């Protein structure tokens, strides 16, 4: 292993940028619908609020829910709520809470409604 002699304050500052098991996150993405409707197939115009949004839950008037990304479109009656997810360990190992999530790690994302999302 390669180690540098770095000041502890610098190491802690860098570590504070990592995502850890137990953290809460929001997921931002760009909507393919907005891309094709608003700007054609060539892509987005950055800086516009219609470029995308936070992943959330769209509740239709009949009570059914769907995962959605804004903008939803003009013909979407119902409500949309952005989701906040807690990063959890798939095996439910409480001892890993606070550990850094590394590239390739399997995680479970649980939203405020208790709905489970994962990358497995």
C-alpha atoms as a PDB file:
ATOM      1  CA  UNK A   1       0.000   0.000   0.000  1.00  0.00           C
ATOM      2  CA  UNK A   2       1.056   3.527  -0.731  1.00  0.00           C
ATOM      3  CA  UNK A   3       0.662   5.968   2.151  1.00  0.00           C
ATOM      4  CA  UNK A   4       1.330   9.667   2.400  1.00  0.00           C
ATOM      5  CA  UNK A   5       2.093  11.591   5.540  1.00  0.00           C
ATOM      6  CA  UNK A   6      -0.873  13.973   5.370  1.00  0.00           C
ATOM      7  CA  UNK A   7      -2.173  16.265   8.108  1.00  0.00           C
ATOM      8  CA  UNK A   8      -5.058  14.689  10.041  1.00  0.00           C
ATOM      9  CA  UNK A   9      -7.276  17.718   9.301  1.00  0.00           C
ATOM     10  CA  UNK A  10      -6.810  17.172   5.551  1.00  0.00           C
ATOM     11  CA  UNK A  11      -7.564  13.450   5.822  1.00  0.00           C
ATOM     12  CA  UNK A  12     -10.747  14.168   7.816  1.00  0.00           C
ATOM     13  CA  UNK A  13     -11.850  16.819   5.311  1.00  0.00           C
ATOM     14  CA  UNK A  14     -11.438  14.341   2.432  1.00  0.00           C
ATOM     15  CA  UNK A  15     -13.185  11.572   4.368  1.00  0.00           C
ATOM     16  CA  UNK A  16     -16.127  13.882   5.053  1.00  0.00           C
ATOM     17  CA  UNK A  17     -16.793  13.904   1.295  1.00  0.00           C
ATOM     18  CA  UNK A  18     -17.394  10.130   1.176  1.00  0.00           C
ATOM     19  CA  UNK A  19     -20.834   8.549   1.206  1.00  0.00           C
ATOM     20  CA  UNK A  20     -21.255   6.129   4.095  1.00  0.00           C
ATOM     21  CA  UNK A  21     -23.720   3.430   5.046  1.00  0.00           C
ATOM     22  CA  UNK A  22     -26.463   5.133   7.060  1.00  0.00           C
ATOM     23  CA  UNK A  23     -26.191   8.445   5.142  1.00  0.00           C
ATOM     24  CA  UNK A  24     -29.207  10.038   3.488  1.00  0.00           C
ATOM     25  CA  UNK A  25     -29.028  11.057  -0.167  1.00  0.00           C
ATOM     26  CA  UNK A  26     -31.162  12.391  -2.996  1.00  0.00           C
ATOM     27  CA  UNK A  27     -30.653  11.166  -6.574  1.00  0.00           C
ATOM     28  CA  UNK A  28     -30.562  13.734  -9.385  1.00  0.00           C
ATOM     29  CA  UNK A  29     -30.941  12.663 -12.980  1.00  0.00           C
ATOM     30  CA  UNK A  30     -31.970  13.985 -16.348  1.00  0.00           C
ATOM     31  CA  UNK A  31     -35.249  12.929 -17.864  1.00  0.00           C
ATOM     32  CA  UNK A  32     -35.127  11.326 -21.291  1.00  0.00           C
ATOM     33  CA  UNK A  33     -38.668  12.666 -21.771  1.00  0.00           C
ATOM     34  CA  UNK A  34     -37.514  16.246 -21.182  1.00  0.00           C
ATOM     35  CA  UNK A  35     -34.502  15.716 -23.427  1.00  0.00           C
ATOM     36  CA  UNK A  36     -36.520  14.508 -26.404  1.00  0.00           C
ATOM     37  CA  UNK A  37     -39.448  16.921 -25.936  1.00  0.00           C
ATOM     38  CA  UNK A  38     -37.675  20.133 -24.935  1.00  0.00           C
ATOM     39  CA  UNK A  39     -34.402  20.120 -26.819  1.00  0.00           C
ATOM     40  CA  UNK A  40     -34.691  17.452 -29.488  1.00  0.00           C
ATOM     41  CA  UNK A  41     -32.512  14.381 -29.601  1.00  0.00           C
ATOM     42  CA  UNK A  42     -29.271  16.363 -29.561  1.00  0.00           C
ATOM     43  CA  UNK A  43     -29.280  16.865 -25.790  1.00  0.00           C
ATOM     44  CA  UNK A  44     -29.977  19.215 -22.930  1.00  0.00           C
ATOM     45  CA  UNK A  45     -29.391  22.889 -22.585  1.00  0.00           C
ATOM     46  CA  UNK A  46     -27.624  23.082 -19.229  1.00  0.00           C
ATOM     47  CA  UNK A  47     -28.725  25.610 -16.659  1.00  0.00           C
ATOM     48  CA  UNK A  48     -32.428  25.110 -17.242  1.00  0.00           C
ATOM     49  CA  UNK A  49     -34.575  23.790 -14.391  1.00  0.00           C
ATOM     50  CA  UNK A  50     -36.171  21.422 -16.908  1.00  0.00           C
ATOM     51  CA  UNK A  51     -32.883  19.557 -17.426  1.00  0.00           C
ATOM     52  CA  UNK A  52     -33.944  17.002 -14.865  1.00  0.00           C
ATOM     53  CA  UNK A  53     -34.669  16.665 -11.221  1.00  0.00           C
ATOM     54  CA  UNK A  54     -34.576  14.494  -8.158  1.00  0.00           C
ATOM     55  CA  UNK A  55     -35.942  10.968  -8.402  1.00  0.00           C
ATOM     56  CA  UNK A  56     -39.211  10.664  -6.564  1.00  0.00           C
ATOM     57  CA  UNK A  57     -42.612   9.081  -6.311  1.00  0.00           C
ATOM     58  CA  UNK A  58     -45.548  10.096  -8.474  1.00  0.00           C
ATOM     59  CA  UNK A  59     -48.941   9.272  -6.969  1.00  0.00           C
ATOM     60  CA  UNK A  60     -51.747   9.020  -9.482  1.00  0.00           C
ATOM     61  CA  UNK A  61     -55.284  10.114  -8.557  1.00  0.00           C
ATOM     62  CA  UNK A  62     -56.305   6.438  -8.202  1.00  0.00           C
ATOM     63  CA  UNK A  63     -53.692   5.980  -5.433  1.00  0.00           C
ATOM     64  CA  UNK A  64     -51.158   3.939  -7.401  1.00  0.00           C
ATOM     65  CA  UNK A  65     -47.559   5.094  -7.240  1.00  0.00           C
ATOM     66  CA  UNK A  66     -44.732   5.118  -9.746  1.00  0.00           C
ATOM     67  CA  UNK A  67     -41.075   6.067  -9.684  1.00  0.00           C
ATOM     68  CA  UNK A  68     -40.664   9.298 -11.618  1.00  0.00           C
ATOM     69  CA  UNK A  69     -38.217  12.003 -12.659  1.00  0.00           C
ATOM     70  CA  UNK A  70     -39.416  15.553 -13.307  1.00  0.00           C
ATOM     71  CA  UNK A  71     -40.642  17.081 -15.446  1.00  0.00           C
ATOM     72  CA  UNK A  72     -43.643  14.740 -15.514  1.00  0.00           C
ATOM     73  CA  UNK A  73     -45.390  16.290 -18.471  1.00  0.00           C
ATOM     74  CA  UNK A  74     -48.539  18.285 -18.889  1.00  0.00           C
ATOM     75  CA  UNK A  75     -51.018  15.395 -18.709  1.00  0.00           C
ATOM     76  CA  UNK A  76     -49.999  13.942 -15.346  1.00  0.00           C
ATOM     77  CA  UNK A  77     -52.671  14.616 -12.736  1.00  0.00           C
ATOM     78  CA  UNK A  78     -51.543  13.627  -9.282  1.00  0.00           C
ATOM     79  CA  UNK A  79     -48.748  14.530  -6.923  1.00  0.00           C
ATOM     80  CA  UNK A  80     -44.994  14.176  -7.125  1.00  0.00           C
ATOM     81  CA  UNK A  81     -42.671  14.027  -4.104  1.00  0.00           C
ATOM     82  CA  UNK A  82     -38.884  13.959  -4.245  1.00  0.00           C
ATOM     83  CA  UNK A  83     -37.454  10.938  -2.462  1.00  0.00           C
ATOM     84  CA  UNK A  84     -34.741  10.921   0.181  1.00  0.00           C
ATOM     85  CA  UNK A  85     -32.950   7.591   0.534  1.00  0.00           C
ATOM     86  CA  UNK A  86     -30.990   6.061   3.378  1.00  0.00           C
ATOM     87  CA  UNK A  87     -28.041   3.973   2.203  1.00  0.00           C
ATOM     88  CA  UNK A  88     -28.276   0.596   3.910  1.00  0.00           C
ATOM     89  CA  UNK A  89     -26.273  -2.613   3.862  1.00  0.00           C
ATOM     90  CA  UNK A  90     -28.086  -5.469   2.066  1.00  0.00           C
ATOM     91  CA  UNK A  91     -27.281  -8.019   4.745  1.00  0.00           C
ATOM     92  CA  UNK A  92     -28.585  -5.667   7.480  1.00  0.00           C
ATOM     93  CA  UNK A  93     -25.221  -5.541   9.275  1.00  0.00           C
ATOM     94  CA  UNK A  94     -25.624  -2.663  11.718  1.00  0.00           C
ATOM     95  CA  UNK A  95     -21.873  -2.807  12.403  1.00  0.00           C
ATOM     96  CA  UNK A  96     -21.177  -1.367   8.924  1.00  0.00           C
ATOM     97  CA  UNK A  97     -23.146   1.839   9.569  1.00  0.00           C
ATOM     98  CA  UNK A  98     -20.698   4.714   9.135  1.00  0.00           C
ATOM     99  CA  UNK A  99     -18.325   2.754   6.870  1.00  0.00           C
ATOM    100  CA  UNK A 100     -17.467   4.269   3.473  1.00  0.00           C
ATOM    101  CA  UNK A 101     -19.399   2.950   0.477  1.00  0.00           C
ATOM    102  CA  UNK A 102     -16.899   1.907  -2.174  1.00  0.00           C
ATOM    103  CA  UNK A 103     -17.310   1.636  -5.937  1.00  0.00           C
ATOM    104  CA  UNK A 104     -18.944  -1.710  -6.710  1.00  0.00           C
ATOM    105  CA  UNK A 105     -20.451  -2.188  -3.239  1.00  0.00           C
ATOM    106  CA  UNK A 106     -24.005  -3.450  -3.224  1.00  0.00           C
ATOM    107  CA  UNK A 107     -26.273  -1.023  -1.405  1.00  0.00           C
ATOM    108  CA  UNK A 108     -29.947  -0.856  -0.562  1.00  0.00           C
ATOM    109  CA  UNK A 109     -31.701   2.495  -0.760  1.00  0.00           C
ATOM    110  CA  UNK A 110     -34.756   2.861   1.461  1.00  0.00           C
ATOM    111  CA  UNK A 111     -37.004   5.884   1.066  1.00  0.00           C
ATOM    112  CA  UNK A 112     -39.221   7.552   3.677  1.00  0.00           C
ATOM    113  CA  UNK A 113     -42.157   5.352   2.601  1.00  0.00           C
ATOM    114  CA  UNK A 114     -40.104   2.235   3.344  1.00  0.00           C
ATOM    115  CA  UNK A 115     -39.842   1.359  -0.340  1.00  0.00           C
ATOM    116  CA  UNK A 116     -36.595  -0.483  -1.095  1.00  0.00           C
ATOM    117  CA  UNK A 117     -34.370   0.206  -4.103  1.00  0.00           C
ATOM    118  CA  UNK A 118     -31.070  -1.565  -4.773  1.00  0.00           C
ATOM    119  CA  UNK A 119     -28.308  -1.896  -7.350  1.00  0.00           C
ATOM    120  CA  UNK A 120     -28.039  -5.671  -7.084  1.00  0.00           C
END
